[in-house]
Amino acid sequence: MLEFLPQELREGFALAQSRRARRSRLRVQLGEAVFPVLSLSEEAMVLDAAKVPRLRGMVDVYDGARHILQGLIVAAQVENGRLVCTFKRSNRVSETPPLDYPRDENAPSGYLPWR
């Protein structure tokens, strides 16, 4: 759709997208390499194709310093200068361990010592 616009407008859109990527706190960490994320959904994430190699396998997604997602990338396609990576599975990372049983809402928060 952008091919019908003048070249100056297309360059302006590309510049605005690159500036948005620099402002974004979302990033992918793959070993020691860190890449900014343009957008993230439950099924896929979009990265700048000029800055990122083709990704496959397990990746960690961070929001600033907070680890938010671990995903398995199975497909990566380049569309309009963007690398669209599709997840086979993605798990949200929690700071607390999962519970084996449901917690009672009316349970006491602590017990007093006997003596």
PDB file of N, CA and C in Angstrom:
ATOM      1  N   MET A   1       0.819  -1.181   0.000  1.00  0.00           N
ATOM      2  CA  MET A   1       0.000   0.000   0.000  1.00  0.00           C
ATOM      3  C   MET A   1       0.872   1.257   0.000  1.00  0.00           C
ATOM      4  N   LEU A   2       2.024   1.203   0.628  1.00  0.00           N
ATOM      5  CA  LEU A   2       2.895   2.369   0.674  1.00  0.00           C
ATOM      6  C   LEU A   2       3.561   2.663  -0.660  1.00  0.00           C
ATOM      7  N   GLU A   3       3.579   1.703  -1.571  1.00  0.00           N
ATOM      8  CA  GLU A   3       4.255   1.917  -2.849  1.00  0.00           C
ATOM      9  C   GLU A   3       3.576   2.992  -3.698  1.00  0.00           C
ATOM     10  N   PHE A   4       2.328   3.352  -3.389  1.00  0.00           N
ATOM     11  CA  PHE A   4       1.617   4.387  -4.145  1.00  0.00           C
ATOM     12  C   PHE A   4       1.926   5.792  -3.626  1.00  0.00           C
ATOM     13  N   LEU A   5       2.539   5.891  -2.471  1.00  0.00           N
ATOM     14  CA  LEU A   5       2.883   7.195  -1.894  1.00  0.00           C
ATOM     15  C   LEU A   5       4.208   7.691  -2.456  1.00  0.00           C
ATOM     16  N   PRO A   6       4.435   8.995  -2.426  1.00  0.00           N
ATOM     17  CA  PRO A   6       5.726   9.523  -2.882  1.00  0.00           C
ATOM     18  C   PRO A   6       6.865   9.019  -1.991  1.00  0.00           C
ATOM     19  N   GLN A   7       8.066   8.988  -2.570  1.00  0.00           N
ATOM     20  CA  GLN A   7       9.241   8.476  -1.864  1.00  0.00           C
ATOM     21  C   GLN A   7       9.521   9.246  -0.581  1.00  0.00           C
ATOM     22  N   GLU A   8       9.297  10.553  -0.575  1.00  0.00           N
ATOM     23  CA  GLU A   8       9.550  11.373   0.623  1.00  0.00           C
ATOM     24  C   GLU A   8       8.657  10.948   1.788  1.00  0.00           C
ATOM     25  N   LEU A   9       7.395  10.648   1.498  1.00  0.00           N
ATOM     26  CA  LEU A   9       6.489  10.194   2.553  1.00  0.00           C
ATOM     27  C   LEU A   9       6.895   8.824   3.086  1.00  0.00           C
ATOM     28  N   ARG A  10       7.290   7.921   2.193  1.00  0.00           N
ATOM     29  CA  ARG A  10       7.724   6.597   2.645  1.00  0.00           C
ATOM     30  C   ARG A  10       8.954   6.697   3.544  1.00  0.00           C
ATOM     31  N   GLU A  11       9.892   7.586   3.182  1.00  0.00           N
ATOM     32  CA  GLU A  11      11.078   7.778   4.020  1.00  0.00           C
ATOM     33  C   GLU A  11      10.699   8.372   5.369  1.00  0.00           C
ATOM     34  N   GLY A  12       9.727   9.289   5.371  1.00  0.00           N
ATOM     35  CA  GLY A  12       9.249   9.866   6.627  1.00  0.00           C
ATOM     36  C   GLY A  12       8.609   8.826   7.534  1.00  0.00           C
ATOM     37  N   PHE A  13       7.810   7.924   6.952  1.00  0.00           N
ATOM     38  CA  PHE A  13       7.203   6.851   7.740  1.00  0.00           C
ATOM     39  C   PHE A  13       8.268   5.921   8.316  1.00  0.00           C
ATOM     40  N   ALA A  14       9.264   5.596   7.508  1.00  0.00           N
ATOM     41  CA  ALA A  14      10.341   4.709   7.979  1.00  0.00           C
ATOM     42  C   ALA A  14      11.122   5.369   9.117  1.00  0.00           C
ATOM     43  N   LEU A  15      11.361   6.680   9.021  1.00  0.00           N
ATOM     44  CA  LEU A  15      12.065   7.407  10.078  1.00  0.00           C
ATOM     45  C   LEU A  15      11.243   7.438  11.361  1.00  0.00           C
ATOM     46  N   ALA A  16       9.937   7.662  11.238  1.00  0.00           N
ATOM     47  CA  ALA A  16       9.065   7.682  12.421  1.00  0.00           C
ATOM     48  C   ALA A  16       9.026   6.311  13.092  1.00  0.00           C
ATOM     49  N   GLN A  17       9.006   5.240  12.321  1.00  0.00           N
ATOM     50  CA  GLN A  17       8.991   3.893  12.894  1.00  0.00           C
ATOM     51  C   GLN A  17      10.299   3.582  13.605  1.00  0.00           C
ATOM     52  N   SER A  18      11.414   4.035  13.039  1.00  0.00           N
ATOM     53  CA  SER A  18      12.695   3.777  13.693  1.00  0.00           C
ATOM     54  C   SER A  18      12.816   4.571  14.990  1.00  0.00           C
ATOM     55  N   ARG A  19      12.268   5.772  15.026  1.00  0.00           N
ATOM     56  CA  ARG A  19      12.286   6.560  16.267  1.00  0.00           C
ATOM     57  C   ARG A  19      11.408   5.909  17.328  1.00  0.00           C
ATOM     58  N   ARG A  20      10.265   5.357  16.910  1.00  0.00           N
ATOM     59  CA  ARG A  20       9.388   4.677  17.855  1.00  0.00           C
ATOM     60  C   ARG A  20      10.072   3.441  18.427  1.00  0.00           C
ATOM     61  N   ALA A  21      10.844   2.752  17.604  1.00  0.00           N
ATOM     62  CA  ALA A  21      11.553   1.565  18.074  1.00  0.00           C
ATOM     63  C   ALA A  21      12.601   1.937  19.112  1.00  0.00           C
ATOM     64  N   ARG A  22      13.254   3.089  18.966  1.00  0.00           N
ATOM     65  CA  ARG A  22      14.245   3.513  19.945  1.00  0.00           C
ATOM     66  C   ARG A  22      13.588   3.873  21.273  1.00  0.00           C
ATOM     67  N   ARG A  23      12.362   4.392  21.228  1.00  0.00           N
ATOM     68  CA  ARG A  23      11.648   4.769  22.453  1.00  0.00           C
ATOM     69  C   ARG A  23      11.062   3.559  23.156  1.00  0.00           C
ATOM     70  N   SER A  24      10.835   2.497  22.418  1.00  0.00           N
ATOM     71  CA  SER A  24      10.187   1.329  22.984  1.00  0.00           C
ATOM     72  C   SER A  24      11.073   0.677  24.039  1.00  0.00           C
ATOM     73  N   ARG A  25      10.466   0.268  25.124  1.00  0.00           N
ATOM     74  CA  ARG A  25      11.198  -0.422  26.174  1.00  0.00           C
ATOM     75  C   ARG A  25      11.277  -1.913  25.900  1.00  0.00           C
ATOM     76  N   LEU A  26      10.414  -2.411  25.004  1.00  0.00           N
ATOM     77  CA  LEU A  26      10.411  -3.841  24.700  1.00  0.00           C
ATOM     78  C   LEU A  26      11.656  -4.201  23.910  1.00  0.00           C
ATOM     79  N   ARG A  27      12.280  -5.304  24.312  1.00  0.00           N
ATOM     80  CA  ARG A  27      13.476  -5.758  23.614  1.00  0.00           C
ATOM     81  C   ARG A  27      13.554  -7.273  23.690  1.00  0.00           C
ATOM     82  N   VAL A  28      14.260  -7.847  22.715  1.00  0.00           N
ATOM     83  CA  VAL A  28      14.492  -9.278  22.668  1.00  0.00           C
ATOM     84  C   VAL A  28      15.949  -9.511  23.008  1.00  0.00           C
ATOM     85  N   GLN A  29      16.184 -10.464  23.889  1.00  0.00           N
ATOM     86  CA  GLN A  29      17.556 -10.820  24.213  1.00  0.00           C
ATOM     87  C   GLN A  29      17.785 -12.251  23.773  1.00  0.00           C
ATOM     88  N   LEU A  30      18.798 -12.429  22.948  1.00  0.00           N
ATOM     89  CA  LEU A  30      19.168 -13.731  22.423  1.00  0.00           C
ATOM     90  C   LEU A  30      20.650 -13.904  22.697  1.00  0.00           C
ATOM     91  N   GLY A  31      20.975 -14.559  23.803  1.00  0.00           N
ATOM     92  CA  GLY A  31      22.367 -14.651  24.236  1.00  0.00           C
ATOM     93  C   GLY A  31      22.828 -13.283  24.716  1.00  0.00           C
ATOM     94  N   GLU A  32      23.884 -12.755  24.120  1.00  0.00           N
ATOM     95  CA  GLU A  32      24.378 -11.416  24.472  1.00  0.00           C
ATOM     96  C   GLU A  32      23.763 -10.323  23.595  1.00  0.00           C
ATOM     97  N   ALA A  33      23.145 -10.695  22.495  1.00  0.00           N
ATOM     98  CA  ALA A  33      22.582  -9.723  21.552  1.00  0.00           C
ATOM     99  C   ALA A  33      21.223  -9.227  22.038  1.00  0.00           C
ATOM    100  N   VAL A  34      20.987  -7.910  21.856  1.00  0.00           N
ATOM    101  CA  VAL A  34      19.733  -7.274  22.260  1.00  0.00           C
ATOM    102  C   VAL A  34      19.163  -6.537  21.054  1.00  0.00           C
ATOM    103  N   PHE A  35      17.859  -6.763  20.770  1.00  0.00           N
ATOM    104  CA  PHE A  35      17.199  -6.146  19.619  1.00  0.00           C
ATOM    105  C   PHE A  35      15.903  -5.484  20.071  1.00  0.00           C
ATOM    106  N   PRO A  36      15.596  -4.254  19.601  1.00  0.00           N
ATOM    107  CA  PRO A  36      14.340  -3.598  19.984  1.00  0.00           C
ATOM    108  C   PRO A  36      13.135  -4.231  19.281  1.00  0.00           C
ATOM    109  N   VAL A  37      12.005  -4.292  19.989  1.00  0.00           N
ATOM    110  CA  VAL A  37      10.764  -4.862  19.462  1.00  0.00           C
ATOM    111  C   VAL A  37       9.837  -3.720  19.064  1.00  0.00           C
ATOM    112  N   LEU A  38       9.327  -3.753  17.832  1.00  0.00           N
ATOM    113  CA  LEU A  38       8.395  -2.722  17.378  1.00  0.00           C
ATOM    114  C   LEU A  38       6.997  -2.958  17.920  1.00  0.00           C
ATOM    115  N   SER A  39       6.520  -4.207  17.863  1.00  0.00           N
ATOM    116  CA  SER A  39       5.210  -4.533  18.426  1.00  0.00           C
ATOM    117  C   SER A  39       5.210  -5.995  18.861  1.00  0.00           C
ATOM    118  N   LEU A  40       4.319  -6.288  19.818  1.00  0.00           N
ATOM    119  CA  LEU A  40       4.260  -7.619  20.396  1.00  0.00           C
ATOM    120  C   LEU A  40       2.808  -8.015  20.587  1.00  0.00           C
ATOM    121  N   SER A  41       2.461  -9.229  20.164  1.00  0.00           N
ATOM    122  CA  SER A  41       1.137  -9.787  20.417  1.00  0.00           C
ATOM    123  C   SER A  41       1.334 -11.203  20.950  1.00  0.00           C
ATOM    124  N   GLU A  42       0.248 -11.907  21.230  1.00  0.00           N
ATOM    125  CA  GLU A  42       0.369 -13.263  21.759  1.00  0.00           C
ATOM    126  C   GLU A  42       0.851 -14.247  20.696  1.00  0.00           C
ATOM    127  N   GLU A  43       0.580 -13.962  19.419  1.00  0.00           N
ATOM    128  CA  GLU A  43       0.955 -14.875  18.349  1.00  0.00           C
ATOM    129  C   GLU A  43       2.276 -14.525  17.690  1.00  0.00           C
ATOM    130  N   ALA A  44       2.686 -13.249  17.730  1.00  0.00           N
ATOM    131  CA  ALA A  44       3.866 -12.824  16.981  1.00  0.00           C
ATOM    132  C   ALA A  44       4.469 -11.554  17.570  1.00  0.00           C
ATOM    133  N   MET A  45       5.678 -11.249  17.104  1.00  0.00           N
ATOM    134  CA  MET A  45       6.311  -9.977  17.421  1.00  0.00           C
ATOM    135  C   MET A  45       6.967  -9.446  16.154  1.00  0.00           C
ATOM    136  N   VAL A  46       7.108  -8.125  16.098  1.00  0.00           N
ATOM    137  CA  VAL A  46       7.639  -7.468  14.914  1.00  0.00           C
ATOM    138  C   VAL A  46       8.907  -6.722  15.309  1.00  0.00           C
ATOM    139  N   LEU A  47       9.967  -6.936  14.511  1.00  0.00           N
ATOM    140  CA  LEU A  47      11.255  -6.295  14.741  1.00  0.00           C
ATOM    141  C   LEU A  47      11.699  -5.601  13.460  1.00  0.00           C
ATOM    142  N   ASP A  48      12.715  -4.751  13.556  1.00  0.00           N
ATOM    143  CA  ASP A  48      13.277  -4.077  12.392  1.00  0.00           C
ATOM    144  C   ASP A  48      14.187  -5.057  11.661  1.00  0.00           C
ATOM    145  N   ALA A  49      13.882  -5.376  10.407  1.00  0.00           N
ATOM    146  CA  ALA A  49      14.620  -6.392   9.652  1.00  0.00           C
ATOM    147  C   ALA A  49      16.055  -5.966   9.358  1.00  0.00           C
ATOM    148  N   ALA A  50      16.327  -4.667   9.318  1.00  0.00           N
ATOM    149  CA  ALA A  50      17.678  -4.197   9.022  1.00  0.00           C
ATOM    150  C   ALA A  50      18.625  -4.418  10.193  1.00  0.00           C
ATOM    151  N   LYS A  51      18.096  -4.497  11.409  1.00  0.00           N
ATOM    152  CA  LYS A  51      18.937  -4.603  12.604  1.00  0.00           C
ATOM    153  C   LYS A  51      19.008  -6.016  13.168  1.00  0.00           C
ATOM    154  N   VAL A  52      18.119  -6.903  12.707  1.00  0.00           N
ATOM    155  CA  VAL A  52      17.980  -8.219  13.333  1.00  0.00           C
ATOM    156  C   VAL A  52      18.235  -9.320  12.310  1.00  0.00           C
ATOM    157  N   PRO A  53      19.010 -10.348  12.687  1.00  0.00           N
ATOM    158  CA  PRO A  53      19.108 -11.511  11.798  1.00  0.00           C
ATOM    159  C   PRO A  53      17.825 -12.331  11.883  1.00  0.00           C
ATOM    160  N   ARG A  54      17.676 -13.278  10.999  1.00  0.00           N
ATOM    161  CA  ARG A  54      16.512 -14.169  11.067  1.00  0.00           C
ATOM    162  C   ARG A  54      16.568 -14.931  12.384  1.00  0.00           C
ATOM    163  N   LEU A  55      15.495 -14.878  13.155  1.00  0.00           N
ATOM    164  CA  LEU A  55      15.450 -15.517  14.461  1.00  0.00           C
ATOM    165  C   LEU A  55      14.685 -16.828  14.406  1.00  0.00           C
ATOM    166  N   ARG A  56      15.182 -17.814  15.147  1.00  0.00           N
ATOM    167  CA  ARG A  56      14.487 -19.085  15.357  1.00  0.00           C
ATOM    168  C   ARG A  56      14.900 -19.581  16.723  1.00  0.00           C
ATOM    169  N   GLY A  57      14.020 -20.323  17.358  1.00  0.00           N
ATOM    170  CA  GLY A  57      14.348 -20.908  18.651  1.00  0.00           C
ATOM    171  C   GLY A  57      13.810 -20.092  19.810  1.00  0.00           C
ATOM    172  N   MET A  58      14.341 -20.362  20.999  1.00  0.00           N
ATOM    173  CA  MET A  58      13.881 -19.703  22.223  1.00  0.00           C
ATOM    174  C   MET A  58      14.474 -18.305  22.341  1.00  0.00           C
ATOM    175  N   VAL A  59      13.619 -17.345  22.650  1.00  0.00           N
ATOM    176  CA  VAL A  59      14.057 -15.970  22.893  1.00  0.00           C
ATOM    177  C   VAL A  59      13.400 -15.468  24.175  1.00  0.00           C
ATOM    178  N   ASP A  60      14.039 -14.509  24.798  1.00  0.00           N
ATOM    179  CA  ASP A  60      13.506 -13.862  25.992  1.00  0.00           C
ATOM    180  C   ASP A  60      13.134 -12.435  25.638  1.00  0.00           C
ATOM    181  N   VAL A  61      11.931 -12.009  26.034  1.00  0.00           N
ATOM    182  CA  VAL A  61      11.449 -10.654  25.767  1.00  0.00           C
ATOM    183  C   VAL A  61      11.411  -9.896  27.092  1.00  0.00           C
ATOM    184  N   TYR A  62      11.970  -8.691  27.093  1.00  0.00           N
ATOM    185  CA  TYR A  62      12.058  -7.868  28.288  1.00  0.00           C
ATOM    186  C   TYR A  62      11.337  -6.544  28.074  1.00  0.00           C
ATOM    187  N   ASP A  63      10.756  -6.031  29.139  1.00  0.00           N
ATOM    188  CA  ASP A  63      10.196  -4.684  29.168  1.00  0.00           C
ATOM    189  C   ASP A  63      11.100  -3.899  30.106  1.00  0.00           C
ATOM    190  N   GLY A  64      12.071  -3.200  29.540  1.00  0.00           N
ATOM    191  CA  GLY A  64      13.098  -2.571  30.358  1.00  0.00           C
ATOM    192  C   GLY A  64      13.975  -3.664  30.943  1.00  0.00           C
ATOM    193  N   ALA A  65      14.032  -3.754  32.262  1.00  0.00           N
ATOM    194  CA  ALA A  65      14.827  -4.783  32.920  1.00  0.00           C
ATOM    195  C   ALA A  65      13.971  -5.969  33.367  1.00  0.00           C
ATOM    196  N   ARG A  66      12.657  -5.858  33.209  1.00  0.00           N
ATOM    197  CA  ARG A  66      11.741  -6.903  33.687  1.00  0.00           C
ATOM    198  C   ARG A  66      11.502  -7.947  32.607  1.00  0.00           C
ATOM    199  N   HIS A  67      11.765  -9.203  32.925  1.00  0.00           N
ATOM    200  CA  HIS A  67      11.557 -10.316  32.009  1.00  0.00           C
ATOM    201  C   HIS A  67      10.059 -10.612  31.947  1.00  0.00           C
ATOM    202  N   ILE A  68       9.434 -10.460  30.766  1.00  0.00           N
ATOM    203  CA  ILE A  68       7.987 -10.614  30.687  1.00  0.00           C
ATOM    204  C   ILE A  68       7.536 -11.832  29.894  1.00  0.00           C
ATOM    205  N   LEU A  69       8.369 -12.338  28.977  1.00  0.00           N
ATOM    206  CA  LEU A  69       7.902 -13.390  28.085  1.00  0.00           C
ATOM    207  C   LEU A  69       9.071 -14.252  27.633  1.00  0.00           C
ATOM    208  N   GLN A  70       8.803 -15.544  27.500  1.00  0.00           N
ATOM    209  CA  GLN A  70       9.751 -16.454  26.882  1.00  0.00           C
ATOM    210  C   GLN A  70       8.992 -17.153  25.764  1.00  0.00           C
ATOM    211  N   GLY A  71       9.527 -17.074  24.551  1.00  0.00           N
ATOM    212  CA  GLY A  71       8.799 -17.611  23.412  1.00  0.00           C
ATOM    213  C   GLY A  71       9.652 -18.477  22.518  1.00  0.00           C
ATOM    214  N   LEU A  72       8.990 -19.381  21.809  1.00  0.00           N
ATOM    215  CA  LEU A  72       9.637 -20.248  20.840  1.00  0.00           C
ATOM    216  C   LEU A  72       9.232 -19.781  19.450  1.00  0.00           C
ATOM    217  N   ILE A  73      10.178 -19.255  18.696  1.00  0.00           N
ATOM    218  CA  ILE A  73       9.918 -18.738  17.350  1.00  0.00           C
ATOM    219  C   ILE A  73      10.068 -19.874  16.352  1.00  0.00           C
ATOM    220  N   VAL A  74       9.042 -20.080  15.519  1.00  0.00           N
ATOM    221  CA  VAL A  74       9.097 -21.137  14.508  1.00  0.00           C
ATOM    222  C   VAL A  74       9.150 -20.573  13.097  1.00  0.00           C
ATOM    223  N   ALA A  75       8.680 -19.359  12.886  1.00  0.00           N
ATOM    224  CA  ALA A  75       8.679 -18.786  11.544  1.00  0.00           C
ATOM    225  C   ALA A  75       9.006 -17.309  11.625  1.00  0.00           C
ATOM    226  N   ALA A  76       9.822 -16.844  10.686  1.00  0.00           N
ATOM    227  CA  ALA A  76      10.163 -15.430  10.603  1.00  0.00           C
ATOM    228  C   ALA A  76      10.117 -15.016   9.136  1.00  0.00           C
ATOM    229  N   GLN A  77       9.334 -13.977   8.838  1.00  0.00           N
ATOM    230  CA  GLN A  77       9.187 -13.490   7.470  1.00  0.00           C
ATOM    231  C   GLN A  77       9.475 -12.003   7.439  1.00  0.00           C
ATOM    232  N   VAL A  78      10.085 -11.541   6.360  1.00  0.00           N
ATOM    233  CA  VAL A  78      10.344 -10.113   6.180  1.00  0.00           C
ATOM    234  C   VAL A  78       9.211  -9.531   5.351  1.00  0.00           C
ATOM    235  N   GLU A  79       8.542  -8.515   5.917  1.00  0.00           N
ATOM    236  CA  GLU A  79       7.447  -7.828   5.230  1.00  0.00           C
ATOM    237  C   GLU A  79       7.652  -6.330   5.389  1.00  0.00           C
ATOM    238  N   ASN A  80       7.869  -5.626   4.276  1.00  0.00           N
ATOM    239  CA  ASN A  80       8.027  -4.171   4.263  1.00  0.00           C
ATOM    240  C   ASN A  80       9.115  -3.694   5.218  1.00  0.00           C
ATOM    241  N   GLY A  81      10.244  -4.368   5.236  1.00  0.00           N
ATOM    242  CA  GLY A  81      11.351  -3.959   6.091  1.00  0.00           C
ATOM    243  C   GLY A  81      11.197  -4.348   7.547  1.00  0.00           C
ATOM    244  N   ARG A  82      10.184  -5.140   7.848  1.00  0.00           N
ATOM    245  CA  ARG A  82       9.949  -5.605   9.215  1.00  0.00           C
ATOM    246  C   ARG A  82      10.079  -7.115   9.262  1.00  0.00           C
ATOM    247  N   LEU A  83      10.636  -7.615  10.330  1.00  0.00           N
ATOM    248  CA  LEU A  83      10.761  -9.050  10.539  1.00  0.00           C
ATOM    249  C   LEU A  83       9.630  -9.484  11.454  1.00  0.00           C
ATOM    250  N   VAL A  84       8.710 -10.283  10.927  1.00  0.00           N
ATOM    251  CA  VAL A  84       7.569 -10.774  11.695  1.00  0.00           C
ATOM    252  C   VAL A  84       7.897 -12.185  12.159  1.00  0.00           C
ATOM    253  N   CYS A  85       8.044 -12.351  13.470  1.00  0.00           N
ATOM    254  CA  CYS A  85       8.381 -13.644  14.064  1.00  0.00           C
ATOM    255  C   CYS A  85       7.127 -14.238  14.695  1.00  0.00           C
ATOM    256  N   THR A  86       6.774 -15.448  14.285  1.00  0.00           N
ATOM    257  CA  THR A  86       5.587 -16.125  14.789  1.00  0.00           C
ATOM    258  C   THR A  86       5.992 -17.106  15.886  1.00  0.00           C
ATOM    259  N   PHE A  87       5.242 -17.072  16.992  1.00  0.00           N
ATOM    260  CA  PHE A  87       5.527 -17.955  18.113  1.00  0.00           C
ATOM    261  C   PHE A  87       4.798 -19.283  17.953  1.00  0.00           C
ATOM    262  N   LYS A  88       5.482 -20.369  18.276  1.00  0.00           N
ATOM    263  CA  LYS A  88       4.805 -21.651  18.422  1.00  0.00           C
ATOM    264  C   LYS A  88       4.156 -21.701  19.794  1.00  0.00           C
ATOM    265  N   ARG A  89       4.895 -21.212  20.774  1.00  0.00           N
ATOM    266  CA  ARG A  89       4.353 -21.061  22.122  1.00  0.00           C
ATOM    267  C   ARG A  89       5.033 -19.872  22.770  1.00  0.00           C
ATOM    268  N   SER A  90       4.314 -19.230  23.669  1.00  0.00           N
ATOM    269  CA  SER A  90       4.884 -18.117  24.430  1.00  0.00           C
ATOM    270  C   SER A  90       4.350 -18.200  25.856  1.00  0.00           C
ATOM    271  N   ASN A  91       5.247 -18.083  26.799  1.00  0.00           N
ATOM    272  CA  ASN A  91       4.888 -18.173  28.208  1.00  0.00           C
ATOM    273  C   ASN A  91       5.178 -16.850  28.891  1.00  0.00           C
ATOM    274  N   ARG A  92       4.178 -16.338  29.586  1.00  0.00           N
ATOM    275  CA  ARG A  92       4.388 -15.152  30.410  1.00  0.00           C
ATOM    276  C   ARG A  92       5.238 -15.545  31.608  1.00  0.00           C
ATOM    277  N   VAL A  93       6.160 -14.688  31.964  1.00  0.00           N
ATOM    278  CA  VAL A  93       7.036 -14.962  33.101  1.00  0.00           C
ATOM    279  C   VAL A  93       6.440 -14.307  34.334  1.00  0.00           C
ATOM    280  N   SER A  94       6.341 -15.073  35.411  1.00  0.00           N
ATOM    281  CA  SER A  94       5.771 -14.590  36.657  1.00  0.00           C
ATOM    282  C   SER A  94       6.879 -14.487  37.697  1.00  0.00           C
ATOM    283  N   GLU A  95       6.755 -13.528  38.591  1.00  0.00           N
ATOM    284  CA  GLU A  95       7.750 -13.360  39.642  1.00  0.00           C
ATOM    285  C   GLU A  95       7.504 -14.307  40.812  1.00  0.00           C
ATOM    286  N   THR A  96       6.315 -14.882  40.876  1.00  0.00           N
ATOM    287  CA  THR A  96       5.994 -15.815  41.953  1.00  0.00           C
ATOM    288  C   THR A  96       5.855 -17.224  41.375  1.00  0.00           C
ATOM    289  N   PRO A  97       6.189 -18.242  42.160  1.00  0.00           N
ATOM    290  CA  PRO A  97       6.042 -19.611  41.650  1.00  0.00           C
ATOM    291  C   PRO A  97       4.570 -19.994  41.535  1.00  0.00           C
ATOM    292  N   PRO A  98       4.242 -20.908  40.645  1.00  0.00           N
ATOM    293  CA  PRO A  98       2.849 -21.346  40.523  1.00  0.00           C
ATOM    294  C   PRO A  98       2.421 -22.123  41.766  1.00  0.00           C
ATOM    295  N   LEU A  99       1.126 -22.043  42.075  1.00  0.00           N
ATOM    296  CA  LEU A  99       0.580 -22.754  43.228  1.00  0.00           C
ATOM    297  C   LEU A  99       0.044 -24.112  42.816  1.00  0.00           C
ATOM    298  N   ASP A 100       0.155 -25.065  43.727  1.00  0.00           N
ATOM    299  CA  ASP A 100      -0.379 -26.401  43.476  1.00  0.00           C
ATOM    300  C   ASP A 100      -1.843 -26.522  43.886  1.00  0.00           C
ATOM    301  N   TYR A 101      -2.343 -25.511  44.561  1.00  0.00           N
ATOM    302  CA  TYR A 101      -3.707 -25.547  45.081  1.00  0.00           C
ATOM    303  C   TYR A 101      -4.255 -24.123  45.072  1.00  0.00           C
ATOM    304  N   PRO A 102      -5.565 -23.959  45.042  1.00  0.00           N
ATOM    305  CA  PRO A 102      -6.130 -22.602  45.086  1.00  0.00           C
ATOM    306  C   PRO A 102      -5.991 -22.016  46.489  1.00  0.00           C
ATOM    307  N   ARG A 103      -5.653 -20.750  46.555  1.00  0.00           N
ATOM    308  CA  ARG A 103      -5.521 -20.078  47.838  1.00  0.00           C
ATOM    309  C   ARG A 103      -6.875 -19.614  48.338  1.00  0.00           C
ATOM    310  N   ASP A 104      -7.112 -19.800  49.630  1.00  0.00           N
ATOM    311  CA  ASP A 104      -8.344 -19.339  50.255  1.00  0.00           C
ATOM    312  C   ASP A 104      -8.243 -17.833  50.475  1.00  0.00           C
ATOM    313  N   GLU A 105      -9.231 -17.091  50.018  1.00  0.00           N
ATOM    314  CA  GLU A 105      -9.207 -15.637  50.159  1.00  0.00           C
ATOM    315  C   GLU A 105      -9.317 -15.205  51.617  1.00  0.00           C
ATOM    316  N   ASN A 106      -9.960 -16.006  52.463  1.00  0.00           N
ATOM    317  CA  ASN A 106     -10.160 -15.648  53.864  1.00  0.00           C
ATOM    318  C   ASN A 106      -9.098 -16.242  54.789  1.00  0.00           C
ATOM    319  N   ALA A 107      -8.048 -16.808  54.252  1.00  0.00           N
ATOM    320  CA  ALA A 107      -6.999 -17.400  55.076  1.00  0.00           C
ATOM    321  C   ALA A 107      -6.217 -16.297  55.782  1.00  0.00           C
ATOM    322  N   PRO A 108      -5.728 -16.565  56.985  1.00  0.00           N
ATOM    323  CA  PRO A 108      -4.935 -15.552  57.694  1.00  0.00           C
ATOM    324  C   PRO A 108      -3.601 -15.328  56.982  1.00  0.00           C
ATOM    325  N   SER A 109      -3.098 -14.117  57.101  1.00  0.00           N
ATOM    326  CA  SER A 109      -1.840 -13.802  56.439  1.00  0.00           C
ATOM    327  C   SER A 109      -0.643 -14.294  57.232  1.00  0.00           C
ATOM    328  N   GLY A 110      -0.829 -14.608  58.518  1.00  0.00           N
ATOM    329  CA  GLY A 110       0.250 -15.121  59.349  1.00  0.00           C
ATOM    330  C   GLY A 110      -0.314 -15.627  60.661  1.00  0.00           C
ATOM    331  N   TYR A 111       0.491 -16.355  61.416  1.00  0.00           N
ATOM    332  CA  TYR A 111       0.074 -16.895  62.695  1.00  0.00           C
ATOM    333  C   TYR A 111       0.900 -16.275  63.816  1.00  0.00           C
ATOM    334  N   LEU A 112       0.292 -16.099  64.987  1.00  0.00           N
ATOM    335  CA  LEU A 112       1.007 -15.618  66.162  1.00  0.00           C
ATOM    336  C   LEU A 112       1.692 -16.799  66.844  1.00  0.00           C
ATOM    337  N   PRO A 113       2.845 -16.549  67.478  1.00  0.00           N
ATOM    338  CA  PRO A 113       3.519 -17.652  68.164  1.00  0.00           C
ATOM    339  C   PRO A 113       2.703 -18.135  69.361  1.00  0.00           C
ATOM    340  N   TRP A 114       2.877 -19.406  69.742  1.00  0.00           N
ATOM    341  CA  TRP A 114       2.121 -20.016  70.816  1.00  0.00           C
ATOM    342  C   TRP A 114       2.482 -19.383  72.143  1.00  0.00           C
ATOM    343  N   ARG A 115       3.733 -19.103  72.395  1.00  0.00           N
ATOM    344  CA  ARG A 115       4.144 -18.517  73.677  1.00  0.00           C
ATOM    345  C   ARG A 115       4.768 -17.200  73.491  1.00  0.00           C
TER     346      ARG A 115
END
